[in-house]
Amino acid sequence: MHVTRAVKIESQNGSEKLRALLAHHGQPFPHRLAAGFPHVVKRILSVWQTPDKARTYFKLLLTKEQDGSQGFPFDVYQEIFVLGAFYDKQHPALRDRGDIWAGFSI
């Protein structure tokens, strides 16, 4: 059954993959992020299975304006923050390696 689900998720686009992944864990889907920044969703999914890269990418999204952009709207920023916090909960080993947000919970 898990193999079938994995195959189904692989055949979906970025937003559908993320929606399936989050729904499996009872997490809300970041609608505004997916609608306004599909390239960010695609990148998140590309690093999702590599915790060091994923955590680095979440931190980059939350702290740095790229290429002269003005950053994310506040509601999208909130969705990224919640998604990053969820990721941290799924990968607790990251918190144990000197992460300044260790022990922080939303």
Protein backbone atom coordinates (compact mmCIF):
# COMPACT_ATOMS: atom_id res chain seq x y z
CA MET A 1 0.00 0.00 0.00
CA HIS A 2 2.79 2.45 0.78
CA VAL A 3 4.48 1.72 -2.53
CA THR A 4 1.27 2.52 -4.40
CA ARG A 5 0.94 5.80 -2.53
CA ALA A 6 4.55 6.71 -3.28
CA VAL A 7 4.03 6.04 -6.98
CA LYS A 8 0.86 8.12 -6.96
CA ILE A 9 2.62 11.02 -5.26
CA GLU A 10 5.51 10.80 -7.74
CA SER A 11 3.11 11.25 -10.66
CA GLN A 12 1.63 14.47 -9.24
CA ASN A 13 2.76 18.06 -9.80
CA GLY A 14 4.56 20.00 -7.06
CA SER A 15 1.51 21.38 -5.29
CA GLU A 16 -0.28 18.03 -5.38
CA LYS A 17 2.81 16.26 -4.01
CA LEU A 18 3.11 18.71 -1.14
CA ARG A 19 -0.63 18.55 -0.47
CA ALA A 20 -0.50 14.73 -0.26
CA LEU A 21 2.56 14.78 1.96
CA LEU A 22 1.08 17.30 4.39
CA ALA A 23 -2.38 15.69 4.41
CA HIS A 24 -0.76 12.39 5.36
CA HIS A 25 0.50 14.14 8.52
CA GLY A 26 -2.62 16.22 9.15
CA GLN A 27 -0.86 19.49 8.29
CA PRO A 28 -2.46 22.47 6.54
CA PHE A 29 -1.54 23.11 2.93
CA PRO A 30 0.22 26.44 2.17
CA HIS A 31 -2.24 27.69 -0.45
CA ARG A 32 -0.79 31.17 -0.88
CA LEU A 33 2.76 29.86 -1.23
CA ALA A 34 1.70 27.31 -3.86
CA ALA A 35 -0.40 29.82 -5.81
CA GLY A 36 2.10 32.66 -5.84
CA PHE A 37 5.42 30.84 -5.75
CA PRO A 38 5.16 27.40 -7.41
CA HIS A 39 8.92 27.43 -8.06
CA VAL A 40 9.50 27.60 -4.30
CA VAL A 41 7.22 24.61 -3.73
CA LYS A 42 9.12 22.71 -6.43
CA ARG A 43 12.45 23.54 -4.78
CA ILE A 44 11.17 22.55 -1.31
CA LEU A 45 10.12 19.19 -2.70
CA SER A 46 13.48 18.73 -4.42
CA VAL A 47 15.33 19.04 -1.09
CA TRP A 48 12.68 17.45 1.17
CA GLN A 49 14.46 14.09 1.39
CA THR A 50 17.79 15.74 2.29
CA PRO A 51 17.35 17.27 5.76
CA ASP A 52 20.47 19.45 5.73
CA LYS A 53 19.58 20.96 2.36
CA ALA A 54 15.92 21.37 3.25
CA ARG A 55 16.62 23.12 6.54
CA THR A 56 19.15 25.40 4.85
CA TYR A 57 16.59 26.27 2.18
CA PHE A 58 13.87 27.04 4.73
CA LYS A 59 16.28 29.33 6.60
CA LEU A 60 17.23 31.05 3.36
CA LEU A 61 13.58 31.63 2.47
CA LEU A 62 12.87 33.12 5.89
CA THR A 63 15.92 35.33 6.23
CA LYS A 64 17.22 36.53 2.89
CA GLU A 65 15.79 38.62 0.12
CA GLN A 66 17.09 37.22 -3.16
CA ASP A 67 17.97 38.98 -6.40
CA GLY A 68 16.69 42.36 -5.25
CA SER A 69 13.20 41.04 -4.55
CA GLN A 70 11.09 42.53 -1.80
CA GLY A 71 10.63 39.23 -0.03
CA PHE A 72 7.42 37.35 0.57
CA PRO A 73 4.07 38.81 1.59
CA PHE A 74 3.51 38.29 5.30
CA ASP A 75 0.86 35.58 4.85
CA VAL A 76 3.20 33.58 2.57
CA TYR A 77 6.05 34.10 5.02
CA GLN A 78 3.85 32.65 7.77
CA GLU A 79 3.09 29.59 5.63
CA ILE A 80 6.80 29.04 4.98
CA PHE A 81 7.53 29.39 8.70
CA VAL A 82 4.85 26.85 9.64
CA LEU A 83 6.04 24.46 6.91
CA GLY A 84 9.63 24.78 8.16
CA ALA A 85 8.53 24.14 11.76
CA PHE A 86 6.64 21.05 10.61
CA TYR A 87 9.75 19.88 8.76
CA ASP A 88 11.82 20.33 11.93
CA LYS A 89 9.36 18.21 13.90
CA GLN A 90 9.68 15.47 11.29
CA HIS A 91 13.49 15.64 11.45
CA PRO A 92 14.39 16.12 15.14
CA ALA A 93 18.07 15.30 14.60
CA LEU A 94 18.43 18.72 12.97
CA ARG A 95 17.44 20.42 16.19
CA ASP A 96 20.09 18.54 18.13
CA ARG A 97 23.00 19.95 16.13
CA GLY A 98 23.23 23.43 17.53
CA ASP A 99 20.18 24.90 15.86
CA ILE A 100 19.40 28.23 17.54
CA TRP A 101 15.70 27.39 17.34
CA ALA A 102 16.12 24.13 19.27
CA GLY A 103 13.32 23.71 21.75
CA PHE A 104 11.17 26.35 20.06
CA SER A 105 7.69 25.13 19.29
CA ILE A 106 4.74 26.75 17.58
